[in-house]
Amino acid sequence: MSIHRPKIISRRGFNRMALSSLIGASGVAAGMINPAFAALDTMKPLDRASPDTPLVDNDGKTAPLAARADRPLLVNLWASWCPPCVHELPALQRLDAALQSEGMAVMLIGLDRKGRDFSAQFLADQGISIPRSTYEKTGDFPRQMEVRVMPTSFFIRPGGRIIGVIEGPLEWDKPNVIAAVKQILQS
């Protein structure tokens, strides 16, 4: 007599299942995630509005994320005091260049309490010139978004709807990651 035991799904397995449902059958082949999506298997699907916290751009103009999301965005929260954040900035710049031809973009949200000028100078010193760089020094945005890890990146639909989050650093400029980001933002 055999005993039926329920299948236990690990966190990684659950994330793969959730990602599979988000990207649909095109990302699943024979029960496995397409290699383009394996790099993003830690993405947690979400479906929520972005907070109304004002973000300040390079020109000093203030607007919430929803007003800035005129296209699909990968929004990355970073700070100069966060080594993994600083390490992934060049890869994010290369991802931004790859997304431009698809009508998508990367947006950086600097969280340094020293403010916009400090963050802008820090990016310039690092050779980072992502046009959609904004700043939020009060900490309201990460609190409202329940950010627990730095860096954290959000997948945003036009109009500011948040569809997914990745906590921690990633090699954003790898071809399989770029392909996955494009497909998720197009969905």
N, C-alpha and C. Protein backbone atom coordinates (compact mmCIF):
# COMPACT_ATOMS: atom_id res chain seq x y z
N MET A 1 0.84 -1.18 0.00
CA MET A 1 0.00 0.00 0.00
C MET A 1 0.89 1.24 0.00
N SER A 2 0.64 2.13 -0.95
CA SER A 2 1.44 3.34 -1.01
C SER A 2 0.67 4.50 -0.38
N ILE A 3 1.41 5.34 0.23
CA ILE A 3 0.82 6.52 0.86
C ILE A 3 1.07 7.71 -0.05
N HIS A 4 0.01 8.44 -0.35
CA HIS A 4 0.15 9.63 -1.19
C HIS A 4 0.64 10.79 -0.32
N ARG A 5 1.76 11.34 -0.70
CA ARG A 5 2.31 12.48 0.03
C ARG A 5 2.20 13.71 -0.86
N PRO A 6 1.75 14.81 -0.30
CA PRO A 6 1.66 16.02 -1.12
C PRO A 6 3.06 16.49 -1.51
N LYS A 7 3.15 17.05 -2.70
CA LYS A 7 4.42 17.58 -3.18
C LYS A 7 4.70 18.89 -2.47
N ILE A 8 5.88 19.00 -1.91
CA ILE A 8 6.28 20.22 -1.22
C ILE A 8 7.04 21.07 -2.22
N ILE A 9 6.65 22.31 -2.35
CA ILE A 9 7.28 23.21 -3.30
C ILE A 9 8.18 24.16 -2.53
N SER A 10 9.44 24.19 -2.91
CA SER A 10 10.39 25.08 -2.26
C SER A 10 10.09 26.53 -2.63
N ARG A 11 10.71 27.46 -1.92
CA ARG A 11 10.53 28.88 -2.26
C ARG A 11 10.95 29.13 -3.70
N ARG A 12 12.08 28.54 -4.09
CA ARG A 12 12.56 28.71 -5.47
C ARG A 12 11.54 28.13 -6.45
N GLY A 13 11.01 26.96 -6.13
CA GLY A 13 10.01 26.34 -6.98
C GLY A 13 8.75 27.18 -7.06
N PHE A 14 8.34 27.75 -5.92
CA PHE A 14 7.16 28.61 -5.92
C PHE A 14 7.39 29.84 -6.78
N ASN A 15 8.58 30.44 -6.64
CA ASN A 15 8.89 31.63 -7.45
C ASN A 15 8.88 31.28 -8.94
N ARG A 16 9.38 30.10 -9.30
CA ARG A 16 9.36 29.68 -10.70
C ARG A 16 7.92 29.50 -11.17
N MET A 17 7.06 28.92 -10.30
CA MET A 17 5.66 28.74 -10.67
C MET A 17 4.98 30.09 -10.84
N ALA A 18 5.24 31.01 -9.92
CA ALA A 18 4.62 32.33 -10.01
C ALA A 18 5.11 33.06 -11.25
N LEU A 19 6.40 32.97 -11.52
CA LEU A 19 6.95 33.61 -12.70
C LEU A 19 6.36 32.98 -13.96
N SER A 20 6.21 31.65 -13.95
CA SER A 20 5.62 30.97 -15.10
C SER A 20 4.22 31.48 -15.37
N SER A 21 3.44 31.67 -14.31
CA SER A 21 2.08 32.15 -14.52
C SER A 21 2.07 33.59 -15.00
N LEU A 22 3.06 34.37 -14.58
CA LEU A 22 3.13 35.76 -15.01
C LEU A 22 3.51 35.86 -16.48
N ILE A 23 4.48 35.04 -16.91
CA ILE A 23 4.95 35.17 -18.29
C ILE A 23 4.19 34.29 -19.26
N GLY A 24 3.39 33.37 -18.74
CA GLY A 24 2.56 32.55 -19.61
C GLY A 24 3.30 31.38 -20.20
N ALA A 25 2.61 30.64 -21.04
CA ALA A 25 3.15 29.41 -21.60
C ALA A 25 4.38 29.64 -22.46
N SER A 26 4.53 30.82 -23.03
CA SER A 26 5.69 31.08 -23.88
C SER A 26 7.00 30.99 -23.12
N GLY A 27 6.97 31.20 -21.81
CA GLY A 27 8.19 31.13 -21.02
C GLY A 27 8.42 29.77 -20.41
N VAL A 28 7.53 28.82 -20.65
CA VAL A 28 7.65 27.52 -20.04
C VAL A 28 7.85 26.47 -21.13
N ALA A 29 8.85 25.66 -20.99
CA ALA A 29 9.09 24.59 -21.96
C ALA A 29 9.27 23.29 -21.19
N ALA A 30 8.40 22.35 -21.44
CA ALA A 30 8.46 21.03 -20.81
C ALA A 30 8.54 21.13 -19.29
N GLY A 31 7.77 22.05 -18.72
CA GLY A 31 7.72 22.18 -17.27
C GLY A 31 8.88 22.94 -16.66
N MET A 32 9.77 23.44 -17.47
CA MET A 32 10.91 24.19 -16.96
C MET A 32 10.82 25.64 -17.42
N ILE A 33 11.39 26.52 -16.67
CA ILE A 33 11.44 27.92 -17.05
C ILE A 33 12.40 28.06 -18.22
N ASN A 34 12.01 28.85 -19.19
CA ASN A 34 12.89 29.18 -20.30
C ASN A 34 14.18 29.77 -19.71
N PRO A 35 15.36 29.43 -20.23
CA PRO A 35 16.60 29.96 -19.67
C PRO A 35 16.63 31.48 -19.57
N ALA A 36 15.92 32.16 -20.44
CA ALA A 36 15.91 33.63 -20.36
C ALA A 36 15.30 34.10 -19.05
N PHE A 37 14.44 33.28 -18.44
CA PHE A 37 13.77 33.70 -17.22
C PHE A 37 14.41 33.11 -15.97
N ALA A 38 15.29 32.14 -16.12
CA ALA A 38 15.91 31.53 -14.96
C ALA A 38 16.65 32.57 -14.12
N ALA A 39 17.21 33.56 -14.77
CA ALA A 39 17.94 34.60 -14.04
C ALA A 39 17.02 35.45 -13.18
N LEU A 40 15.74 35.46 -13.50
CA LEU A 40 14.79 36.28 -12.75
C LEU A 40 13.87 35.43 -11.89
N ASP A 41 14.31 34.23 -11.52
CA ASP A 41 13.41 33.36 -10.77
C ASP A 41 13.18 33.83 -9.35
N THR A 42 13.86 34.86 -8.93
CA THR A 42 13.60 35.41 -7.60
C THR A 42 12.58 36.56 -7.65
N MET A 43 12.07 36.86 -8.84
CA MET A 43 11.08 37.93 -8.95
C MET A 43 9.79 37.50 -8.25
N LYS A 44 9.26 38.42 -7.46
CA LYS A 44 7.97 38.18 -6.81
C LYS A 44 6.92 38.98 -7.56
N PRO A 45 5.93 38.31 -8.13
CA PRO A 45 4.86 39.05 -8.83
C PRO A 45 4.08 39.92 -7.84
N LEU A 46 3.71 41.09 -8.28
CA LEU A 46 2.90 42.02 -7.50
C LEU A 46 1.81 42.58 -8.40
N ASP A 47 0.85 43.19 -7.80
CA ASP A 47 -0.17 43.93 -8.54
C ASP A 47 -0.68 45.02 -7.61
N ARG A 48 -0.01 46.16 -7.66
CA ARG A 48 -0.38 47.26 -6.77
C ARG A 48 -0.01 48.59 -7.39
N ALA A 49 -0.66 49.61 -6.92
CA ALA A 49 -0.36 50.97 -7.37
C ALA A 49 0.93 51.44 -6.73
N SER A 50 1.63 52.33 -7.40
CA SER A 50 2.83 52.91 -6.82
C SER A 50 2.43 54.01 -5.84
N PRO A 51 3.26 54.26 -4.83
CA PRO A 51 2.93 55.29 -3.85
C PRO A 51 2.98 56.69 -4.46
N ASP A 52 2.34 57.62 -3.80
CA ASP A 52 2.30 59.02 -4.25
C ASP A 52 3.49 59.84 -3.75
N THR A 53 4.48 59.19 -3.19
CA THR A 53 5.65 59.88 -2.67
C THR A 53 6.31 60.70 -3.78
N PRO A 54 6.57 61.97 -3.54
CA PRO A 54 7.22 62.78 -4.59
C PRO A 54 8.69 62.38 -4.78
N LEU A 55 9.07 62.26 -6.05
CA LEU A 55 10.45 61.98 -6.43
C LEU A 55 10.98 63.21 -7.15
N VAL A 56 12.23 63.56 -6.87
CA VAL A 56 12.84 64.76 -7.45
C VAL A 56 13.79 64.34 -8.56
N ASP A 57 13.64 64.92 -9.77
CA ASP A 57 14.52 64.57 -10.88
C ASP A 57 15.74 65.49 -10.92
N ASN A 58 16.58 65.31 -11.94
CA ASN A 58 17.82 66.09 -12.06
C ASN A 58 17.56 67.58 -12.21
N ASP A 59 16.40 67.95 -12.73
CA ASP A 59 16.06 69.37 -12.90
C ASP A 59 15.38 69.96 -11.68
N GLY A 60 15.21 69.18 -10.62
CA GLY A 60 14.56 69.66 -9.41
C GLY A 60 13.04 69.58 -9.46
N LYS A 61 12.50 68.99 -10.51
CA LYS A 61 11.04 68.84 -10.62
C LYS A 61 10.58 67.66 -9.79
N THR A 62 9.46 67.86 -9.11
CA THR A 62 8.92 66.84 -8.22
C THR A 62 7.65 66.25 -8.80
N ALA A 63 7.57 64.91 -8.79
CA ALA A 63 6.37 64.20 -9.24
C ALA A 63 6.43 62.78 -8.70
N PRO A 64 5.27 62.16 -8.47
CA PRO A 64 5.27 60.76 -8.02
C PRO A 64 5.64 59.82 -9.18
N LEU A 65 5.94 58.59 -8.84
CA LEU A 65 6.34 57.60 -9.84
C LEU A 65 5.28 57.44 -10.93
N ALA A 66 4.01 57.39 -10.56
CA ALA A 66 2.94 57.19 -11.55
C ALA A 66 2.99 58.27 -12.64
N ALA A 67 3.31 59.49 -12.28
CA ALA A 67 3.38 60.58 -13.26
C ALA A 67 4.62 60.45 -14.15
N ARG A 68 5.63 59.74 -13.69
CA ARG A 68 6.87 59.58 -14.45
C ARG A 68 6.86 58.31 -15.30
N ALA A 69 5.89 57.43 -15.07
CA ALA A 69 5.84 56.14 -15.76
C ALA A 69 5.05 56.27 -17.06
N ASP A 70 5.66 56.92 -18.05
CA ASP A 70 5.02 57.07 -19.36
C ASP A 70 5.32 55.89 -20.27
N ARG A 71 6.06 54.93 -19.78
CA ARG A 71 6.45 53.72 -20.53
C ARG A 71 6.75 52.63 -19.50
N PRO A 72 6.89 51.38 -19.93
CA PRO A 72 7.29 50.34 -18.98
C PRO A 72 8.68 50.65 -18.42
N LEU A 73 8.84 50.46 -17.12
CA LEU A 73 10.08 50.80 -16.45
C LEU A 73 10.57 49.67 -15.55
N LEU A 74 11.89 49.56 -15.45
CA LEU A 74 12.51 48.82 -14.37
C LEU A 74 13.02 49.90 -13.43
N VAL A 75 12.45 49.99 -12.25
CA VAL A 75 12.82 51.02 -11.28
C VAL A 75 13.73 50.41 -10.23
N ASN A 76 14.92 50.96 -10.09
CA ASN A 76 15.93 50.44 -9.17
C ASN A 76 16.17 51.43 -8.04
N LEU A 77 16.02 50.95 -6.81
CA LEU A 77 16.32 51.75 -5.62
C LEU A 77 17.76 51.47 -5.23
N TRP A 78 18.55 52.53 -5.09
CA TRP A 78 19.97 52.39 -4.82
C TRP A 78 20.40 53.47 -3.84
N ALA A 79 21.61 53.30 -3.28
CA ALA A 79 22.22 54.31 -2.41
C ALA A 79 23.74 54.18 -2.51
N SER A 80 24.44 55.27 -2.33
CA SER A 80 25.90 55.26 -2.44
C SER A 80 26.56 54.43 -1.35
N TRP A 81 25.90 54.28 -0.21
CA TRP A 81 26.45 53.52 0.91
C TRP A 81 26.23 52.01 0.77
N CYS A 82 25.61 51.58 -0.33
CA CYS A 82 25.26 50.18 -0.55
C CYS A 82 26.17 49.60 -1.63
N PRO A 83 27.24 48.84 -1.26
CA PRO A 83 28.16 48.31 -2.28
C PRO A 83 27.48 47.51 -3.39
N PRO A 84 26.51 46.61 -3.11
CA PRO A 84 25.88 45.90 -4.22
C PRO A 84 25.12 46.85 -5.17
N CYS A 85 24.55 47.92 -4.61
CA CYS A 85 23.85 48.91 -5.44
C CYS A 85 24.83 49.56 -6.41
N VAL A 86 25.95 50.00 -5.88
CA VAL A 86 26.95 50.68 -6.70
C VAL A 86 27.52 49.72 -7.74
N HIS A 87 27.73 48.48 -7.35
CA HIS A 87 28.29 47.48 -8.27
C HIS A 87 27.38 47.25 -9.48
N GLU A 88 26.06 47.26 -9.30
CA GLU A 88 25.16 46.96 -10.41
C GLU A 88 24.80 48.19 -11.26
N LEU A 89 25.21 49.38 -10.89
CA LEU A 89 24.87 50.58 -11.67
C LEU A 89 25.34 50.51 -13.13
N PRO A 90 26.58 50.10 -13.43
CA PRO A 90 26.98 50.02 -14.85
C PRO A 90 26.11 49.03 -15.65
N ALA A 91 25.76 47.90 -15.03
CA ALA A 91 24.91 46.92 -15.72
C ALA A 91 23.51 47.51 -15.97
N LEU A 92 23.01 48.28 -15.03
CA LEU A 92 21.71 48.93 -15.21
C LEU A 92 21.77 49.94 -16.35
N GLN A 93 22.89 50.63 -16.48
CA GLN A 93 23.03 51.58 -17.59
C GLN A 93 23.01 50.85 -18.93
N ARG A 94 23.69 49.70 -19.00
CA ARG A 94 23.67 48.91 -20.24
C ARG A 94 22.28 48.34 -20.50
N LEU A 95 21.56 47.94 -19.45
CA LEU A 95 20.18 47.48 -19.61
C LEU A 95 19.31 48.61 -20.14
N ASP A 96 19.47 49.81 -19.61
CA ASP A 96 18.69 50.96 -20.08
C ASP A 96 18.91 51.18 -21.58
N ALA A 97 20.15 51.09 -22.02
CA ALA A 97 20.45 51.26 -23.45
C ALA A 97 19.76 50.17 -24.28
N ALA A 98 19.72 48.94 -23.77
CA ALA A 98 19.08 47.84 -24.50
C ALA A 98 17.56 47.99 -24.53
N LEU A 99 16.98 48.61 -23.50
CA LEU A 99 15.52 48.75 -23.42
C LEU A 99 14.99 49.91 -24.27
N GLN A 100 15.81 50.90 -24.53
CA GLN A 100 15.36 52.10 -25.24
C GLN A 100 14.71 51.77 -26.58
N SER A 101 15.27 50.82 -27.32
CA SER A 101 14.71 50.50 -28.65
C SER A 101 13.34 49.83 -28.55
N GLU A 102 12.98 49.36 -27.38
CA GLU A 102 11.69 48.71 -27.15
C GLU A 102 10.67 49.66 -26.53
N GLY A 103 11.05 50.93 -26.36
CA GLY A 103 10.14 51.89 -25.72
C GLY A 103 10.03 51.69 -24.22
N MET A 104 11.08 51.14 -23.62
CA MET A 104 11.14 50.89 -22.18
C MET A 104 12.36 51.62 -21.62
N ALA A 105 12.46 51.65 -20.31
CA ALA A 105 13.61 52.34 -19.72
C ALA A 105 13.88 51.85 -18.30
N VAL A 106 15.06 52.20 -17.81
CA VAL A 106 15.43 52.01 -16.41
C VAL A 106 15.29 53.37 -15.74
N MET A 107 14.76 53.36 -14.52
CA MET A 107 14.71 54.57 -13.70
C MET A 107 15.43 54.25 -12.39
N LEU A 108 16.34 55.12 -12.02
CA LEU A 108 17.03 54.99 -10.74
C LEU A 108 16.36 55.90 -9.72
N ILE A 109 16.18 55.40 -8.51
CA ILE A 109 15.71 56.23 -7.41
C ILE A 109 16.79 56.18 -6.34
N GLY A 110 17.52 57.28 -6.22
CA GLY A 110 18.57 57.40 -5.22
C GLY A 110 17.97 57.68 -3.86
N LEU A 111 18.48 56.99 -2.83
CA LEU A 111 17.92 57.13 -1.49
C LEU A 111 18.90 57.74 -0.50
N ASP A 112 19.98 58.34 -1.00
CA ASP A 112 20.93 58.98 -0.09
C ASP A 112 20.30 60.16 0.60
N ARG A 113 20.48 60.26 1.89
CA ARG A 113 19.89 61.37 2.65
C ARG A 113 20.60 62.69 2.39
N LYS A 114 21.73 62.63 1.71
CA LYS A 114 22.45 63.86 1.38
C LYS A 114 21.80 64.60 0.22
N GLY A 115 20.80 63.97 -0.41
CA GLY A 115 20.00 64.68 -1.39
C GLY A 115 20.37 64.49 -2.84
N ARG A 116 19.60 65.19 -3.66
CA ARG A 116 19.70 65.09 -5.12
C ARG A 116 21.07 65.46 -5.65
N ASP A 117 21.63 66.57 -5.20
CA ASP A 117 22.93 67.01 -5.72
C ASP A 117 24.03 65.99 -5.42
N PHE A 118 24.02 65.46 -4.20
CA PHE A 118 25.01 64.45 -3.84
C PHE A 118 24.86 63.21 -4.71
N SER A 119 23.62 62.71 -4.84
CA SER A 119 23.38 61.51 -5.65
C SER A 119 23.74 61.72 -7.11
N ALA A 120 23.37 62.89 -7.65
CA ALA A 120 23.69 63.19 -9.05
C ALA A 120 25.20 63.22 -9.26
N GLN A 121 25.92 63.83 -8.35
CA GLN A 121 27.38 63.88 -8.46
C GLN A 121 27.99 62.50 -8.31
N PHE A 122 27.45 61.70 -7.41
CA PHE A 122 27.93 60.34 -7.23
C PHE A 122 27.78 59.54 -8.52
N LEU A 123 26.60 59.63 -9.15
CA LEU A 123 26.38 58.93 -10.41
C LEU A 123 27.35 59.42 -11.49
N ALA A 124 27.53 60.73 -11.56
CA ALA A 124 28.45 61.29 -12.55
C ALA A 124 29.88 60.78 -12.32
N ASP A 125 30.30 60.73 -11.06
CA ASP A 125 31.63 60.23 -10.73
C ASP A 125 31.80 58.76 -11.11
N GLN A 126 30.71 58.01 -11.11
CA GLN A 126 30.74 56.59 -11.48
C GLN A 126 30.58 56.39 -12.99
N GLY A 127 30.34 57.48 -13.73
CA GLY A 127 30.15 57.38 -15.17
C GLY A 127 28.75 56.91 -15.56
N ILE A 128 27.80 57.07 -14.67
CA ILE A 128 26.42 56.63 -14.90
C ILE A 128 25.59 57.81 -15.36
N SER A 129 24.93 57.64 -16.50
CA SER A 129 24.13 58.74 -17.05
C SER A 129 22.75 58.24 -17.50
N ILE A 130 22.05 57.57 -16.60
CA ILE A 130 20.70 57.11 -16.90
C ILE A 130 19.79 58.33 -16.80
N PRO A 131 19.14 58.71 -17.90
CA PRO A 131 18.36 59.95 -17.91
C PRO A 131 17.24 60.01 -16.87
N ARG A 132 16.63 58.89 -16.56
CA ARG A 132 15.50 58.88 -15.64
C ARG A 132 15.98 58.63 -14.21
N SER A 133 16.88 59.46 -13.73
CA SER A 133 17.36 59.34 -12.35
C SER A 133 16.56 60.29 -11.48
N THR A 134 16.06 59.76 -10.37
CA THR A 134 15.30 60.57 -9.42
C THR A 134 15.84 60.31 -8.03
N TYR A 135 15.34 61.07 -7.06
CA TYR A 135 15.86 61.01 -5.71
C TYR A 135 14.73 61.14 -4.71
N GLU A 136 14.90 60.45 -3.58
CA GLU A 136 13.91 60.51 -2.51
C GLU A 136 14.68 60.32 -1.22
N LYS A 137 14.86 61.40 -0.46
CA LYS A 137 15.72 61.31 0.73
C LYS A 137 14.97 61.15 2.04
N THR A 138 13.65 61.16 2.02
CA THR A 138 12.91 61.06 3.28
C THR A 138 12.74 59.62 3.76
N GLY A 139 12.87 58.66 2.86
CA GLY A 139 12.65 57.26 3.22
C GLY A 139 11.20 56.83 3.11
N ASP A 140 10.32 57.75 2.72
CA ASP A 140 8.90 57.40 2.60
C ASP A 140 8.65 56.37 1.49
N PHE A 141 9.29 56.56 0.33
CA PHE A 141 9.06 55.65 -0.78
C PHE A 141 9.43 54.21 -0.42
N PRO A 142 10.65 53.94 0.08
CA PRO A 142 10.96 52.55 0.41
C PRO A 142 10.07 51.99 1.53
N ARG A 143 9.67 52.83 2.48
CA ARG A 143 8.76 52.35 3.54
C ARG A 143 7.41 51.95 2.95
N GLN A 144 6.86 52.80 2.09
CA GLN A 144 5.57 52.50 1.48
C GLN A 144 5.64 51.28 0.56
N MET A 145 6.81 51.04 -0.03
CA MET A 145 6.99 49.90 -0.92
C MET A 145 7.45 48.65 -0.17
N GLU A 146 7.59 48.78 1.14
CA GLU A 146 8.00 47.66 2.01
C GLU A 146 9.34 47.07 1.58
N VAL A 147 10.28 47.94 1.25
CA VAL A 147 11.61 47.52 0.83
C VAL A 147 12.36 47.00 2.06
N ARG A 148 12.91 45.79 1.92
CA ARG A 148 13.65 45.17 3.01
C ARG A 148 15.12 44.97 2.69
N VAL A 149 15.46 45.04 1.41
CA VAL A 149 16.81 44.72 0.94
C VAL A 149 17.25 45.80 -0.04
N MET A 150 18.52 46.13 0.00
CA MET A 150 19.08 47.05 -0.99
C MET A 150 20.11 46.31 -1.82
N PRO A 151 20.10 46.46 -3.12
CA PRO A 151 19.14 47.20 -3.92
C PRO A 151 17.84 46.40 -4.09
N THR A 152 16.79 47.11 -4.47
CA THR A 152 15.51 46.49 -4.82
C THR A 152 15.07 47.10 -6.13
N SER A 153 14.53 46.25 -7.02
CA SER A 153 14.08 46.72 -8.34
C SER A 153 12.64 46.30 -8.56
N PHE A 154 11.87 47.22 -9.15
CA PHE A 154 10.45 46.99 -9.42
C PHE A 154 10.18 47.05 -10.91
N PHE A 155 9.29 46.18 -11.38
CA PHE A 155 8.80 46.22 -12.75
C PHE A 155 7.51 47.04 -12.74
N ILE A 156 7.47 48.09 -13.56
CA ILE A 156 6.38 49.06 -13.53
C ILE A 156 5.73 49.17 -14.90
N ARG A 157 4.43 49.14 -14.93
CA ARG A 157 3.67 49.36 -16.16
C ARG A 157 3.48 50.87 -16.35
N PRO A 158 3.19 51.31 -17.58
CA PRO A 158 2.87 52.73 -17.78
C PRO A 158 1.71 53.12 -16.86
N GLY A 159 1.84 54.27 -16.25
CA GLY A 159 0.83 54.72 -15.29
C GLY A 159 1.20 54.39 -13.86
N GLY A 160 2.25 53.60 -13.65
CA GLY A 160 2.76 53.36 -12.31
C GLY A 160 2.34 52.07 -11.63
N ARG A 161 1.62 51.18 -12.31
CA ARG A 161 1.21 49.91 -11.69
C ARG A 161 2.44 49.01 -11.52
N ILE A 162 2.64 48.49 -10.33
CA ILE A 162 3.80 47.65 -10.03
C ILE A 162 3.41 46.19 -10.26
N ILE A 163 4.19 45.49 -11.10
CA ILE A 163 3.85 44.11 -11.43
C ILE A 163 4.84 43.08 -10.88
N GLY A 164 5.97 43.53 -10.35
CA GLY A 164 6.92 42.58 -9.80
C GLY A 164 8.07 43.28 -9.09
N VAL A 165 8.77 42.53 -8.26
CA VAL A 165 9.90 43.06 -7.50
C VAL A 165 11.00 42.02 -7.44
N ILE A 166 12.23 42.49 -7.50
CA ILE A 166 13.41 41.66 -7.26
C ILE A 166 14.20 42.32 -6.14
N GLU A 167 14.44 41.55 -5.09
CA GLU A 167 15.21 42.06 -3.96
C GLU A 167 16.66 41.59 -4.11
N GLY A 168 17.58 42.52 -4.00
CA GLY A 168 18.99 42.18 -4.10
C GLY A 168 19.54 42.48 -5.49
N PRO A 169 20.86 42.36 -5.63
CA PRO A 169 21.52 42.70 -6.89
C PRO A 169 21.32 41.61 -7.95
N LEU A 170 21.52 42.01 -9.19
CA LEU A 170 21.40 41.09 -10.32
C LEU A 170 22.35 41.58 -11.41
N GLU A 171 22.77 40.68 -12.26
CA GLU A 171 23.60 41.05 -13.41
C GLU A 171 22.67 41.45 -14.54
N TRP A 172 22.23 42.70 -14.52
CA TRP A 172 21.17 43.20 -15.40
C TRP A 172 21.55 43.23 -16.87
N ASP A 173 22.82 43.18 -17.20
CA ASP A 173 23.22 43.32 -18.60
C ASP A 173 23.50 41.99 -19.29
N LYS A 174 23.23 40.87 -18.64
CA LYS A 174 23.39 39.56 -19.29
C LYS A 174 22.29 39.39 -20.33
N PRO A 175 22.60 38.82 -21.49
CA PRO A 175 21.59 38.69 -22.56
C PRO A 175 20.30 38.00 -22.12
N ASN A 176 20.40 36.94 -21.29
CA ASN A 176 19.19 36.27 -20.86
C ASN A 176 18.36 37.14 -19.91
N VAL A 177 19.02 37.96 -19.11
CA VAL A 177 18.31 38.85 -18.20
C VAL A 177 17.63 39.97 -19.00
N ILE A 178 18.34 40.53 -19.96
CA ILE A 178 17.75 41.58 -20.81
C ILE A 178 16.52 41.04 -21.52
N ALA A 179 16.61 39.83 -22.06
CA ALA A 179 15.46 39.22 -22.75
C ALA A 179 14.28 39.03 -21.80
N ALA A 180 14.58 38.59 -20.58
CA ALA A 180 13.51 38.37 -19.59
C ALA A 180 12.87 39.69 -19.18
N VAL A 181 13.68 40.70 -18.93
CA VAL A 181 13.14 42.00 -18.54
C VAL A 181 12.23 42.54 -19.64
N LYS A 182 12.68 42.45 -20.88
CA LYS A 182 11.86 42.93 -22.00
C LYS A 182 10.52 42.20 -22.05
N GLN A 183 10.55 40.89 -21.90
CA GLN A 183 9.30 40.13 -22.00
C GLN A 183 8.37 40.45 -20.82
N ILE A 184 8.90 40.58 -19.64
CA ILE A 184 8.07 40.91 -18.49
C ILE A 184 7.45 42.30 -18.65
N LEU A 185 8.25 43.26 -19.09
CA LEU A 185 7.72 44.61 -19.25
C LEU A 185 6.74 44.72 -20.41
N GLN A 186 6.82 43.81 -21.38
CA GLN A 186 5.88 43.81 -22.50
C GLN A 186 4.57 43.12 -22.15
N SER A 187 4.58 42.31 -21.09
CA SER A 187 3.37 41.53 -20.77
C SER A 187 2.23 42.39 -20.27
